[in-house]
Every structure is written in structure tokens, then in C-alpha cells.
C-alpha atoms as a PDB file:
ATOM      1  CA  MET A   1      63.418 -38.601  15.365  1.00  0.00           C
ATOM      2  CA  ILE A   2      63.429 -41.784  13.266  1.00  0.00           C
ATOM      3  CA  SER A   3      63.651 -41.877   9.491  1.00  0.00           C
ATOM      4  CA  ARG A   4      60.851 -42.732   7.088  1.00  0.00           C
ATOM      5  CA  MET A   5      60.416 -46.468   6.641  1.00  0.00           C
ATOM      6  CA  ASN A   6      62.068 -47.625   3.409  1.00  0.00           C
ATOM      7  CA  ASN A   7      61.811 -44.077   2.037  1.00  0.00           C
ATOM      8  CA  GLN A   8      58.074 -44.522   1.576  1.00  0.00           C
ATOM      9  CA  LYS A   9      56.052 -41.563   0.375  1.00  0.00           C
ATOM     10  CA  PRO A  10      53.352 -40.022   2.565  1.00  0.00           C
ATOM     11  CA  ILE A  11      49.718 -40.325   1.537  1.00  0.00           C
ATOM     12  CA  HIS A  12      48.849 -36.660   1.909  1.00  0.00           C
ATOM     13  CA  GLN A  13      45.065 -37.124   1.994  1.00  0.00           C
ATOM     14  CA  ILE A  14      45.000 -39.332   5.118  1.00  0.00           C
ATOM     15  CA  ILE A  15      46.038 -37.876   8.472  1.00  0.00           C
ATOM     16  CA  VAL A  16      46.311 -40.095  11.556  1.00  0.00           C
ATOM     17  CA  ARG A  17      46.289 -38.524  15.047  1.00  0.00           C
ATOM     18  CA  VAL A  18      46.656 -40.035  18.513  1.00  0.00           C
ATOM     19  CA  ALA A  19      45.371 -38.500  21.735  1.00  0.00           C
ATOM     20  CA  LEU A  20      47.776 -39.923  24.313  1.00  0.00           C
ATOM     21  CA  ARG A  21      46.195 -40.026  27.772  1.00  0.00           C
ATOM     22  CA  ASN A  22      48.180 -40.393  30.985  1.00  0.00           C
ATOM     23  CA  SER A  23      47.196 -42.039  34.262  1.00  0.00           C
ATOM     24  CA  GLN A  24      45.579 -38.778  35.459  1.00  0.00           C
ATOM     25  CA  GLY A  25      43.303 -38.694  32.414  1.00  0.00           C
ATOM     26  CA  ARG A  26      45.157 -35.766  30.818  1.00  0.00           C
ATOM     27  CA  LEU A  27      45.774 -35.605  27.065  1.00  0.00           C
ATOM     28  CA  LEU A  28      49.116 -34.824  25.450  1.00  0.00           C
ATOM     29  CA  VAL A  29      49.126 -31.860  23.050  1.00  0.00           C
ATOM     30  CA  LEU A  30      52.083 -30.554  21.052  1.00  0.00           C
ATOM     31  CA  GLN A  31      52.791 -26.980  19.904  1.00  0.00           C
ATOM     32  CA  LYS A  32      54.081 -26.490  16.359  1.00  0.00           C
ATOM     33  CA  SER A  33      57.562 -24.999  15.973  1.00  0.00           C
ATOM     34  CA  ASP A  34      58.114 -21.412  14.777  1.00  0.00           C
ATOM     35  CA  SER A  35      59.296 -22.666  11.369  1.00  0.00           C
ATOM     36  CA  SER A  36      55.967 -24.380  10.698  1.00  0.00           C
ATOM     37  CA  ASP A  37      53.261 -22.858   8.499  1.00  0.00           C
ATOM     38  CA  ARG A  38      51.008 -23.254  11.559  1.00  0.00           C
ATOM     39  CA  ALA A  39      53.538 -21.835  14.027  1.00  0.00           C
ATOM     40  CA  GLY A  40      52.272 -21.853  17.600  1.00  0.00           C
ATOM     41  CA  ALA A  41      49.220 -24.029  16.927  1.00  0.00           C
ATOM     42  CA  TRP A  42      48.563 -27.011  19.176  1.00  0.00           C
ATOM     43  CA  GLU A  43      47.710 -30.514  18.003  1.00  0.00           C
ATOM     44  CA  PHE A  44      47.784 -34.194  18.874  1.00  0.00           C
ATOM     45  CA  ALA A  45      50.732 -36.328  17.820  1.00  0.00           C
ATOM     46  CA  GLY A  46      50.329 -37.625  14.296  1.00  0.00           C
ATOM     47  CA  GLY A  47      50.700 -36.899  10.619  1.00  0.00           C
ATOM     48  CA  HIS A  48      50.475 -38.358   7.119  1.00  0.00           C
ATOM     49  CA  MET A  49      49.989 -42.060   6.638  1.00  0.00           C
ATOM     50  CA  GLU A  50      52.623 -43.587   4.359  1.00  0.00           C
ATOM     51  CA  GLU A  51      52.202 -45.964   1.440  1.00  0.00           C
ATOM     52  CA  GLY A  52      51.963 -49.556   2.600  1.00  0.00           C
ATOM     53  CA  GLU A  53      51.025 -48.666   6.173  1.00  0.00           C
ATOM     54  CA  SER A  54      47.871 -49.543   8.047  1.00  0.00           C
ATOM     55  CA  LEU A  55      46.213 -46.892  10.203  1.00  0.00           C
ATOM     56  CA  ASP A  56      47.585 -48.322  13.436  1.00  0.00           C
ATOM     57  CA  GLN A  57      51.106 -48.658  11.983  1.00  0.00           C
ATOM     58  CA  ALA A  58      51.020 -44.995  10.981  1.00  0.00           C
ATOM     59  CA  ALA A  59      49.761 -44.007  14.433  1.00  0.00           C
ATOM     60  CA  ILE A  60      52.489 -45.934  16.246  1.00  0.00           C
ATOM     61  CA  ARG A  61      55.236 -44.530  13.992  1.00  0.00           C
ATOM     62  CA  GLU A  62      54.075 -40.924  14.254  1.00  0.00           C
ATOM     63  CA  VAL A  63      53.803 -41.045  18.051  1.00  0.00           C
ATOM     64  CA  LEU A  64      57.335 -42.422  18.330  1.00  0.00           C
ATOM     65  CA  GLU A  65      58.731 -39.849  15.885  1.00  0.00           C
ATOM     66  CA  GLU A  66      57.102 -36.858  17.551  1.00  0.00           C
ATOM     67  CA  THR A  67      57.123 -37.779  21.262  1.00  0.00           C
ATOM     68  CA  GLY A  68      59.592 -40.623  21.776  1.00  0.00           C
ATOM     69  CA  ILE A  69      56.788 -42.649  23.370  1.00  0.00           C
ATOM     70  CA  LYS A  70      56.335 -46.246  22.276  1.00  0.00           C
ATOM     71  CA  VAL A  71      52.732 -47.432  22.111  1.00  0.00           C
ATOM     72  CA  LYS A  72      51.388 -50.912  21.444  1.00  0.00           C
ATOM     73  CA  LYS A  73      48.809 -51.706  18.796  1.00  0.00           C
ATOM     74  CA  LYS A  74      46.450 -53.284  21.333  1.00  0.00           C
ATOM     75  CA  LYS A  75      46.410 -50.019  23.306  1.00  0.00           C
ATOM     76  CA  LEU A  76      45.117 -47.953  20.364  1.00  0.00           C
ATOM     77  CA  LYS A  77      41.383 -47.307  20.468  1.00  0.00           C
ATOM     78  CA  TYR A  78      39.548 -45.802  17.524  1.00  0.00           C
ATOM     79  CA  MET A  79      37.757 -42.576  18.469  1.00  0.00           C
ATOM     80  CA  SER A  80      36.577 -40.614  15.454  1.00  0.00           C
ATOM     81  CA  SER A  81      37.121 -39.738  11.793  1.00  0.00           C
ATOM     82  CA  ASN A  82      36.000 -37.020   9.411  1.00  0.00           C
ATOM     83  CA  TRP A  83      36.688 -35.236   6.148  1.00  0.00           C
ATOM     84  CA  TYR A  84      38.025 -31.686   6.295  1.00  0.00           C
ATOM     85  CA  THR A  85      39.692 -29.119   4.036  1.00  0.00           C
ATOM     86  CA  PHE A  86      43.270 -27.898   4.480  1.00  0.00           C
ATOM     87  CA  LYS A  87      44.787 -25.465   1.950  1.00  0.00           C
ATOM     88  CA  ASN A  88      41.981 -26.252  -0.507  1.00  0.00           C
ATOM     89  CA  GLN A  89      42.730 -29.979  -0.288  1.00  0.00           C
ATOM     90  CA  GLN A  90      40.321 -32.579   1.007  1.00  0.00           C
ATOM     91  CA  ARG A  91      41.769 -34.701   3.794  1.00  0.00           C
ATOM     92  CA  PHE A  92      40.505 -37.629   5.818  1.00  0.00           C
ATOM     93  CA  GLY A  93      41.450 -37.451   9.499  1.00  0.00           C
ATOM     94  CA  VAL A  94      41.397 -40.445  11.841  1.00  0.00           C
ATOM     95  CA  LEU A  95      41.730 -40.057  15.619  1.00  0.00           C
ATOM     96  CA  PHE A  96      42.854 -42.745  18.062  1.00  0.00           C
ATOM     97  CA  VAL A  97      43.015 -42.583  21.860  1.00  0.00           C
ATOM     98  CA  CYS A  98      45.815 -44.414  23.653  1.00  0.00           C
ATOM     99  CA  ASP A  99      46.412 -44.731  27.385  1.00  0.00           C
ATOM    100  CA  THR A 100      50.070 -44.516  28.378  1.00  0.00           C
ATOM    101  CA  ALA A 101      52.039 -44.792  31.595  1.00  0.00           C
ATOM    102  CA  TYR A 102      54.825 -42.607  30.191  1.00  0.00           C
ATOM    103  CA  ASP A 103      54.885 -38.890  30.988  1.00  0.00           C
ATOM    104  CA  LYS A 104      58.364 -38.199  29.611  1.00  0.00           C
ATOM    105  CA  VAL A 105      58.196 -36.595  26.161  1.00  0.00           C
ATOM    106  CA  ILE A 106      61.059 -36.185  23.683  1.00  0.00           C
ATOM    107  CA  LEU A 107      59.924 -33.654  21.087  1.00  0.00           C
ATOM    108  CA  SER A 108      60.959 -33.776  17.437  1.00  0.00           C
ATOM    109  CA  SER A 109      61.964 -30.638  15.543  1.00  0.00           C
ATOM    110  CA  GLU A 110      58.349 -30.232  14.373  1.00  0.00           C
ATOM    111  CA  HIS A 111      57.246 -29.035  17.814  1.00  0.00           C
ATOM    112  CA  LYS A 112      58.587 -26.688  20.458  1.00  0.00           C
ATOM    113  CA  GLU A 113      56.366 -27.290  23.508  1.00  0.00           C
ATOM    114  CA  PHE A 114      54.051 -29.906  24.961  1.00  0.00           C
ATOM    115  CA  ASP A 115      51.444 -30.026  27.703  1.00  0.00           C
ATOM    116  CA  TRP A 116      49.128 -32.524  29.370  1.00  0.00           C
ATOM    117  CA  ILE A 117      45.629 -31.064  29.487  1.00  0.00           C
ATOM    118  CA  ASP A 118      42.062 -31.840  30.497  1.00  0.00           C
ATOM    119  CA  SER A 119      38.776 -29.941  30.194  1.00  0.00           C
ATOM    120  CA  SER A 120      39.800 -27.564  32.980  1.00  0.00           C
ATOM    121  CA  ASN A 121      42.841 -26.097  31.226  1.00  0.00           C
ATOM    122  CA  SER A 122      42.166 -26.589  27.513  1.00  0.00           C
ATOM    123  CA  ASP A 123      40.525 -23.159  26.998  1.00  0.00           C
ATOM    124  CA  ASN A 124      43.867 -21.357  27.018  1.00  0.00           C
ATOM    125  CA  ILE A 125      45.326 -23.414  24.171  1.00  0.00           C
ATOM    126  CA  ARG A 126      44.881 -22.400  20.515  1.00  0.00           C
ATOM    127  CA  PHE A 127      43.742 -25.388  18.512  1.00  0.00           C
ATOM    128  CA  ALA A 128      43.061 -25.750  14.808  1.00  0.00           C
ATOM    129  CA  ASP A 129      39.336 -25.881  14.001  1.00  0.00           C
ATOM    130  CA  ILE A 130      39.514 -29.590  13.199  1.00  0.00           C
ATOM    131  CA  TYR A 131      40.428 -30.403  16.816  1.00  0.00           C
ATOM    132  CA  GLN A 132      37.468 -28.632  18.402  1.00  0.00           C
ATOM    133  CA  SER A 133      35.094 -31.483  17.616  1.00  0.00           C
ATOM    134  CA  TYR A 134      37.663 -34.024  18.790  1.00  0.00           C
ATOM    135  CA  PHE A 135      37.929 -32.382  22.200  1.00  0.00           C
ATOM    136  CA  LYS A 136      34.161 -32.325  22.636  1.00  0.00           C
ATOM    137  CA  LYS A 137      34.107 -36.087  22.074  1.00  0.00           C
ATOM    138  CA  LEU A 138      37.064 -36.788  24.342  1.00  0.00           C
ATOM    139  CA  PHE A 139      35.759 -34.753  27.261  1.00  0.00           C
ATOM    140  CA  ILE A 140      32.081 -35.756  27.149  1.00  0.00           C
ATOM    141  CA  LYS A 141      32.839 -38.193  29.945  1.00  0.00           C
ATOM    142  CA  GLU A 142      36.096 -37.428  31.722  1.00  0.00           C
ATOM    143  CA  GLY A 143      38.466 -40.366  31.805  1.00  0.00           C
ATOM    144  CA  ASP A 144      36.322 -42.616  29.632  1.00  0.00           C
ATOM    145  CA  ASN A 145      36.822 -42.966  25.892  1.00  0.00           C
ATOM    146  CA  SER A 146      34.612 -46.015  25.388  1.00  0.00           C
ATOM    147  CA  ARG A 147      31.976 -45.799  22.685  1.00  0.00           C
ATOM    148  CA  THR A 148      28.364 -45.936  23.788  1.00  0.00           C
ATOM    149  CA  ASP A 149      25.446 -47.473  21.938  1.00  0.00           C
ATOM    150  CA  VAL A 150      23.929 -45.177  19.353  1.00  0.00           C
ATOM    151  CA  ASP A 151      20.412 -43.905  19.962  1.00  0.00           C
ATOM    152  CA  ASN A 152      18.463 -44.931  16.861  1.00  0.00           C
ATOM    153  CA  SER A 153      16.373 -41.768  16.996  1.00  0.00           C
ATOM    154  CA  THR A 154      19.453 -39.548  16.595  1.00  0.00           C
ATOM    155  CA  VAL A 155      20.930 -41.269  13.542  1.00  0.00           C
ATOM    156  CA  SER A 156      20.870 -39.068  10.445  1.00  0.00           C
ATOM    157  CA  ALA A 157      18.646 -39.970   7.508  1.00  0.00           C
ATOM    158  CA  LYS A 158      21.647 -40.321   5.190  1.00  0.00           C
ATOM    159  CA  LEU A 159      24.729 -42.407   5.891  1.00  0.00           C
ATOM    160  CA  LYS A 160      28.046 -43.009   4.182  1.00  0.00           C
ATOM    161  CA  VAL A 161      28.947 -46.686   4.145  1.00  0.00           C
ATOM    162  CA  TYR A 162      32.467 -48.008   3.589  1.00  0.00           C
ATOM    163  CA  THR A 163      32.693 -51.758   2.992  1.00  0.00           C
ATOM    164  CA  ASP A 164      35.478 -54.180   2.203  1.00  0.00           C
ATOM    165  CA  GLY A 165      35.932 -57.901   1.861  1.00  0.00           C
ATOM    166  CA  GLY A 166      39.053 -59.993   1.595  1.00  0.00           C
ATOM    167  CA  SER A 167      40.253 -63.528   1.057  1.00  0.00           C
ATOM    168  CA  ARG A 168      43.653 -64.786   2.114  1.00  0.00           C
ATOM    169  CA  GLY A 169      44.290 -67.140  -0.769  1.00  0.00           C
ATOM    170  CA  ASN A 170      41.407 -66.321  -3.169  1.00  0.00           C
ATOM    171  CA  PRO A 171      39.778 -68.666  -2.497  1.00  0.00           C
ATOM    172  CA  GLY A 172      40.776 -68.926   1.133  1.00  0.00           C
ATOM    173  CA  PRO A 173      39.791 -67.779   4.610  1.00  0.00           C
ATOM    174  CA  SER A 174      37.630 -64.688   4.080  1.00  0.00           C
ATOM    175  CA  ALA A 175      36.027 -61.891   6.063  1.00  0.00           C
ATOM    176  CA  THR A 176      33.955 -58.751   5.658  1.00  0.00           C
ATOM    177  CA  GLY A 177      34.115 -55.270   7.122  1.00  0.00           C
ATOM    178  CA  TYR A 178      31.877 -52.207   7.178  1.00  0.00           C
ATOM    179  CA  VAL A 179      31.783 -48.700   8.666  1.00  0.00           C
ATOM    180  CA  LEU A 180      28.675 -46.482   8.899  1.00  0.00           C
ATOM    181  CA  ILE A 181      29.284 -42.706   9.020  1.00  0.00           C
ATOM    182  CA  ASN A 182      26.630 -40.063   9.677  1.00  0.00           C
ATOM    183  CA  GLU A 183      26.262 -36.605   8.137  1.00  0.00           C
ATOM    184  CA  ASP A 184      28.566 -35.113  10.790  1.00  0.00           C
ATOM    185  CA  GLU A 185      31.324 -37.453   9.532  1.00  0.00           C
ATOM    186  CA  GLU A 186      31.171 -39.502  12.740  1.00  0.00           C
ATOM    187  CA  VAL A 187      31.391 -43.289  12.766  1.00  0.00           C
ATOM    188  CA  ILE A 188      28.173 -44.552  14.352  1.00  0.00           C
ATOM    189  CA  ASP A 189      28.651 -48.248  13.705  1.00  0.00           C
ATOM    190  CA  GLU A 190      31.277 -50.654  12.438  1.00  0.00           C
ATOM    191  CA  GLY A 191      31.796 -54.376  12.262  1.00  0.00           C
ATOM    192  CA  GLY A 192      32.921 -57.395  10.319  1.00  0.00           C
ATOM    193  CA  GLU A 193      32.819 -61.142  10.448  1.00  0.00           C
ATOM    194  CA  TYR A 194      34.612 -64.255   9.288  1.00  0.00           C
ATOM    195  CA  ILE A 195      32.623 -65.918   6.477  1.00  0.00           C
ATOM    196  CA  GLY A 196      34.610 -69.103   5.774  1.00  0.00           C
ATOM    197  CA  ILE A 197      36.464 -70.195   2.649  1.00  0.00           C
ATOM    198  CA  THR A 198      35.470 -68.131  -0.373  1.00  0.00           C
ATOM    199  CA  THR A 199      36.777 -65.661  -2.968  1.00  0.00           C
ATOM    200  CA  ASN A 200      37.596 -61.965  -2.822  1.00  0.00           C
ATOM    201  CA  ASN A 201      34.549 -61.093  -4.932  1.00  0.00           C
ATOM    202  CA  GLN A 202      32.211 -63.108  -2.722  1.00  0.00           C
ATOM    203  CA  ALA A 203      33.665 -61.418   0.361  1.00  0.00           C
ATOM    204  CA  GLU A 204      33.244 -57.966  -1.172  1.00  0.00           C
ATOM    205  CA  TYR A 205      29.581 -58.686  -1.914  1.00  0.00           C
ATOM    206  CA  GLN A 206      28.965 -60.204   1.509  1.00  0.00           C
ATOM    207  CA  ALA A 207      30.336 -57.017   3.110  1.00  0.00           C
ATOM    208  CA  VAL A 208      27.767 -54.920   1.247  1.00  0.00           C
ATOM    209  CA  LYS A 209      24.986 -57.270   2.341  1.00  0.00           C
ATOM    210  CA  LEU A 210      26.123 -57.172   5.966  1.00  0.00           C
ATOM    211  CA  ALA A 211      26.248 -53.360   5.957  1.00  0.00           C
ATOM    212  CA  LEU A 212      22.761 -53.106   4.456  1.00  0.00           C
ATOM    213  CA  LYS A 213      21.350 -55.427   7.093  1.00  0.00           C
ATOM    214  CA  ARG A 214      23.025 -53.393   9.829  1.00  0.00           C
ATOM    215  CA  ALA A 215      21.823 -50.052   8.412  1.00  0.00           C
ATOM    216  CA  ARG A 216      18.294 -51.471   8.264  1.00  0.00           C
ATOM    217  CA  GLU A 217      18.341 -51.657  12.068  1.00  0.00           C
ATOM    218  CA  TYR A 218      18.275 -47.826  12.224  1.00  0.00           C
ATOM    219  CA  PRO A 219      14.707 -46.770  11.329  1.00  0.00           C
ATOM    220  CA  ALA A 220      15.739 -43.152  10.692  1.00  0.00           C
ATOM    221  CA  VAL A 221      18.078 -44.083   7.838  1.00  0.00           C
ATOM    222  CA  LYS A 222      16.575 -43.491   4.387  1.00  0.00           C
ATOM    223  CA  GLU A 223      19.605 -43.033   2.112  1.00  0.00           C
ATOM    224  CA  LEU A 224      22.913 -44.862   1.856  1.00  0.00           C
ATOM    225  CA  ASP A 225      25.997 -43.902  -0.139  1.00  0.00           C
ATOM    226  CA  PHE A 226      28.345 -46.876  -0.423  1.00  0.00           C
ATOM    227  CA  PHE A 227      32.076 -46.393  -1.037  1.00  0.00           C
ATOM    228  CA  ILE A 228      33.824 -49.580  -2.143  1.00  0.00           C
ATOM    229  CA  ASP A 229      37.301 -50.257  -3.529  1.00  0.00           C
ATOM    230  CA  SER A 230      36.093 -53.180  -5.672  1.00  0.00           C
ATOM    231  CA  LEU A 231      35.418 -51.762  -9.127  1.00  0.00           C
ATOM    232  CA  LEU A 232      33.730 -55.046 -10.095  1.00  0.00           C
ATOM    233  CA  VAL A 233      31.136 -54.826  -7.323  1.00  0.00           C
ATOM    234  CA  VAL A 234      30.459 -51.127  -7.935  1.00  0.00           C
ATOM    235  CA  ASN A 235      30.004 -51.537 -11.679  1.00  0.00           C
ATOM    236  CA  GLN A 236      27.854 -54.646 -11.298  1.00  0.00           C
ATOM    237  CA  MET A 237      25.638 -52.989  -8.698  1.00  0.00           C
ATOM    238  CA  ASN A 238      25.300 -49.931 -10.983  1.00  0.00           C
ATOM    239  CA  GLY A 239      24.455 -52.126 -13.982  1.00  0.00           C
ATOM    240  CA  VAL A 240      27.599 -51.169 -15.908  1.00  0.00           C
ATOM    241  CA  PHE A 241      29.025 -54.720 -15.882  1.00  0.00           C
ATOM    242  CA  LYS A 242      27.058 -57.893 -16.463  1.00  0.00           C
ATOM    243  CA  ILE A 243      27.329 -60.633 -13.851  1.00  0.00           C
ATOM    244  CA  ARG A 244      29.040 -63.470 -15.704  1.00  0.00           C
ATOM    245  CA  ASN A 245      29.887 -65.521 -12.615  1.00  0.00           C
ATOM    246  CA  LYS A 246      26.710 -67.388 -11.691  1.00  0.00           C
ATOM    247  CA  ASP A 247      27.972 -67.823  -8.107  1.00  0.00           C
ATOM    248  CA  LEU A 248      27.500 -64.064  -7.613  1.00  0.00           C
ATOM    249  CA  TRP A 249      23.887 -63.976  -8.818  1.00  0.00           C
ATOM    250  CA  PRO A 250      22.236 -64.963  -5.486  1.00  0.00           C
ATOM    251  CA  ILE A 251      24.138 -62.438  -3.370  1.00  0.00           C
ATOM    252  CA  HIS A 252      23.620 -59.725  -6.008  1.00  0.00           C
ATOM    253  CA  GLU A 253      19.869 -60.301  -5.949  1.00  0.00           C
ATOM    254  CA  ALA A 254      19.823 -60.368  -2.135  1.00  0.00           C
ATOM    255  CA  ILE A 255      21.585 -56.997  -2.058  1.00  0.00           C
ATOM    256  CA  LYS A 256      19.136 -55.494  -4.544  1.00  0.00           C
ATOM    257  CA  LYS A 257      16.230 -56.653  -2.382  1.00  0.00           C
ATOM    258  CA  LEU A 258      17.763 -55.152   0.770  1.00  0.00           C
ATOM    259  CA  ALA A 259      18.581 -51.906  -1.041  1.00  0.00           C
ATOM    260  CA  SER A 260      14.948 -51.577  -2.167  1.00  0.00           C
ATOM    261  CA  GLU A 261      13.967 -51.072   1.480  1.00  0.00           C
ATOM    262  CA  PHE A 262      15.680 -47.650   1.442  1.00  0.00           C
ATOM    263  CA  ASP A 263      14.658 -44.533  -0.467  1.00  0.00           C
ATOM    264  CA  ARG A 264      18.022 -44.355  -2.224  1.00  0.00           C
ATOM    265  CA  VAL A 265      21.230 -46.403  -2.308  1.00  0.00           C
ATOM    266  CA  SER A 266      24.283 -45.444  -4.379  1.00  0.00           C
ATOM    267  CA  PHE A 267      27.567 -47.227  -5.073  1.00  0.00           C
ATOM    268  CA  THR A 268      30.804 -45.320  -5.689  1.00  0.00           C
ATOM    269  CA  HIS A 269      34.303 -46.647  -6.335  1.00  0.00           C
ATOM    270  CA  VAL A 270      37.156 -45.360  -4.149  1.00  0.00           C
ATOM    271  CA  LYS A 271      40.863 -46.120  -4.075  1.00  0.00           C
ATOM    272  CA  ARG A 272      42.059 -48.611  -1.461  1.00  0.00           C
ATOM    273  CA  GLU A 273      43.808 -45.923   0.574  1.00  0.00           C
ATOM    274  CA  PHE A 274      40.434 -44.274   1.235  1.00  0.00           C
ATOM    275  CA  ASN A 275      38.931 -47.504   2.518  1.00  0.00           C
ATOM    276  CA  LYS A 276      41.318 -48.184   5.386  1.00  0.00           C
ATOM    277  CA  LEU A 277      38.651 -48.227   8.105  1.00  0.00           C
ATOM    278  CA  ALA A 278      36.643 -51.044   6.510  1.00  0.00           C
ATOM    279  CA  ASP A 279      39.843 -52.855   5.514  1.00  0.00           C
ATOM    280  CA  ALA A 280      40.931 -52.821   9.171  1.00  0.00           C
ATOM    281  CA  LYS A 281      37.691 -54.575  10.172  1.00  0.00           C
ATOM    282  CA  VAL A 282      38.340 -57.306   7.577  1.00  0.00           C
ATOM    283  CA  ASN A 283      41.853 -57.959   8.857  1.00  0.00           C
ATOM    284  CA  GLN A 284      40.657 -57.868  12.463  1.00  0.00           C
ATOM    285  CA  ALA A 285      38.037 -60.539  11.730  1.00  0.00           C
ATOM    286  CA  LEU A 286      40.596 -62.717   9.918  1.00  0.00           C
ATOM    287  CA  ASP A 287      43.191 -62.293  12.665  1.00  0.00           C
ATOM    288  CA  ASP A 288      40.642 -63.078  15.397  1.00  0.00           C
ATOM    289  CA  TYR A 289      39.622 -66.271  13.573  1.00  0.00           C
ATOM    290  CA  SER A 290      43.254 -67.264  13.024  1.00  0.00           C
ATOM    291  CA  HIS A 291      44.177 -66.736  16.680  1.00  0.00           C
ATOM    292  CA  ALA A 292      41.113 -68.636  17.902  1.00  0.00           C
ATOM    293  CA  ASN A 293      41.983 -71.677  15.778  1.00  0.00           C
ATOM    294  CA  ARG A 294      45.690 -72.001  16.493  1.00  0.00           C
END
């Protein structure tokens, strides 16, 4: 078991899990040790994300700590996320799937047993409630964890929308990111794009605009609740702050026009650690642009 990186503190509200899948399509599950407060329960490898980590960094570290298996970032595939309650505390869980050629497992002291399972032998294993929905998603199509296109008619009327925008240099190369989540706390859509040389504030606004345009493509959607880590954008969209930078006026007006096409749109400020999914899309877009122009 490796030590915590630089003695960083865990972010208790965000839990990252990884469903490791071997060449036979079986998933690795771990049984909690007898000293745990959930003794005997089974789970995927994973745990608390630490300060300064990205979601994929946390996933890679936790898998290595708990199983001894090294996974590569490019092998991690986002599967699902949702809010849940544990000991009266709200937590945000993120699930990745990762194919691995390694079957050898070296357990940490947190677990006492492991098993590789599929839909045929998962009924005999006691899982926490939070994992039941994960298993339904993972076993819908045996051996295939790819996301399918969303049927517009099944999208809920109300969506949560996480957006983020970033500039490497401010001004500098910039990108946007968004994630659309339905009422079952499932990600139904996500994306981002490189938008050229601009500022952080412009990128943050462009992300909101992009998400609104994407949400408009789902006719069933009537209400949107935005969660953004830019206090400036939230307060300006809510009319709390005046827009003193004239360069932001056009995009602000464009967003108001798009928002008027829905029955209700709200804007709420969240801390950066609760906006990791959208932040990841921003960095992905910037990295893709950087690699393509080397």
C-alpha cells in the first residue's frame, strides 16, 4: 500500500470508484475487512479524492493502493456519477470502467477478499445500495461499456448542468466544458470545445452558452439548474453584479435569449471540487488542441 501523496487531505464529499474488467469481461470486486465499519460489504476499488487531484489521478492512485494493479489514464472510461447519502453526509460518486490484462490482485489492509464477477454470479455478493444501480448499467450489455446515444423522448424534463471554462494564460488558449445530468443523477450528455485565445471569464460564459444550445436539442427538457464555479458568472446571470466589462455584454445577452426558450433556468455557485466533471472536459479540449498542433 502506497502512502498519501505529499500528505494531502482527502476530499470526503467526492468518491471515485473503478470497475476493473478482465479479458473475460468479469469485474473485480473487493470485500471490506472485518475492522471496517462496513465489514463484509463488497465494493469496487476506489475511495476519497484528495486535494489537488483530478478524477483520473484519484482513480489511478486508489486502484494501485487497493489492488496493486497499475492502470493508464487512457484506459479509464467514464461510466456514471450520482449524489448519495452516507452517514447523513451528501457525497458525489463517480464511476469509471477500466479494462485490464492483469488478474493478479494484491489487497491492501482495507479488504480481505476479492472476486471477479459477471451477471451470472453477482447475486450472491452483498453490495451497498449505491452499487446496485452501477451494476445494472455495467451489465446491460455484457462486455460492452460504451455509451449509447440518448433517446430524446426519455430525457427528464429537468436537468442539472455543470459548466466550466478555462484559459491557460488569461488571456490564452481557452476551452469550455459541460455535463448534463438527469433526475436519476445520470450523465446523459457531455462535451467541450476549444474556443481560441480569450479570457477565463469569456470561456466561462461560452461554456454556459454551449450547454444551453446542447440542452435545447432535447425537446423534453423544460428546466435547467446550472452549477458553476465562477461566482462572477453566477452573480451576473442572477442580476446581483452589474456587467462592467463591455466585452461580456454580447455573450450575456445571447445566454439570456437562449435561457428564455426554457420554462425555468437557474444559476448556482459551487466550489471547484464539485465541478470536476466539467473541468475535465475543459482540460481534455485544451490537451487535444495542444497535441494536434505540436
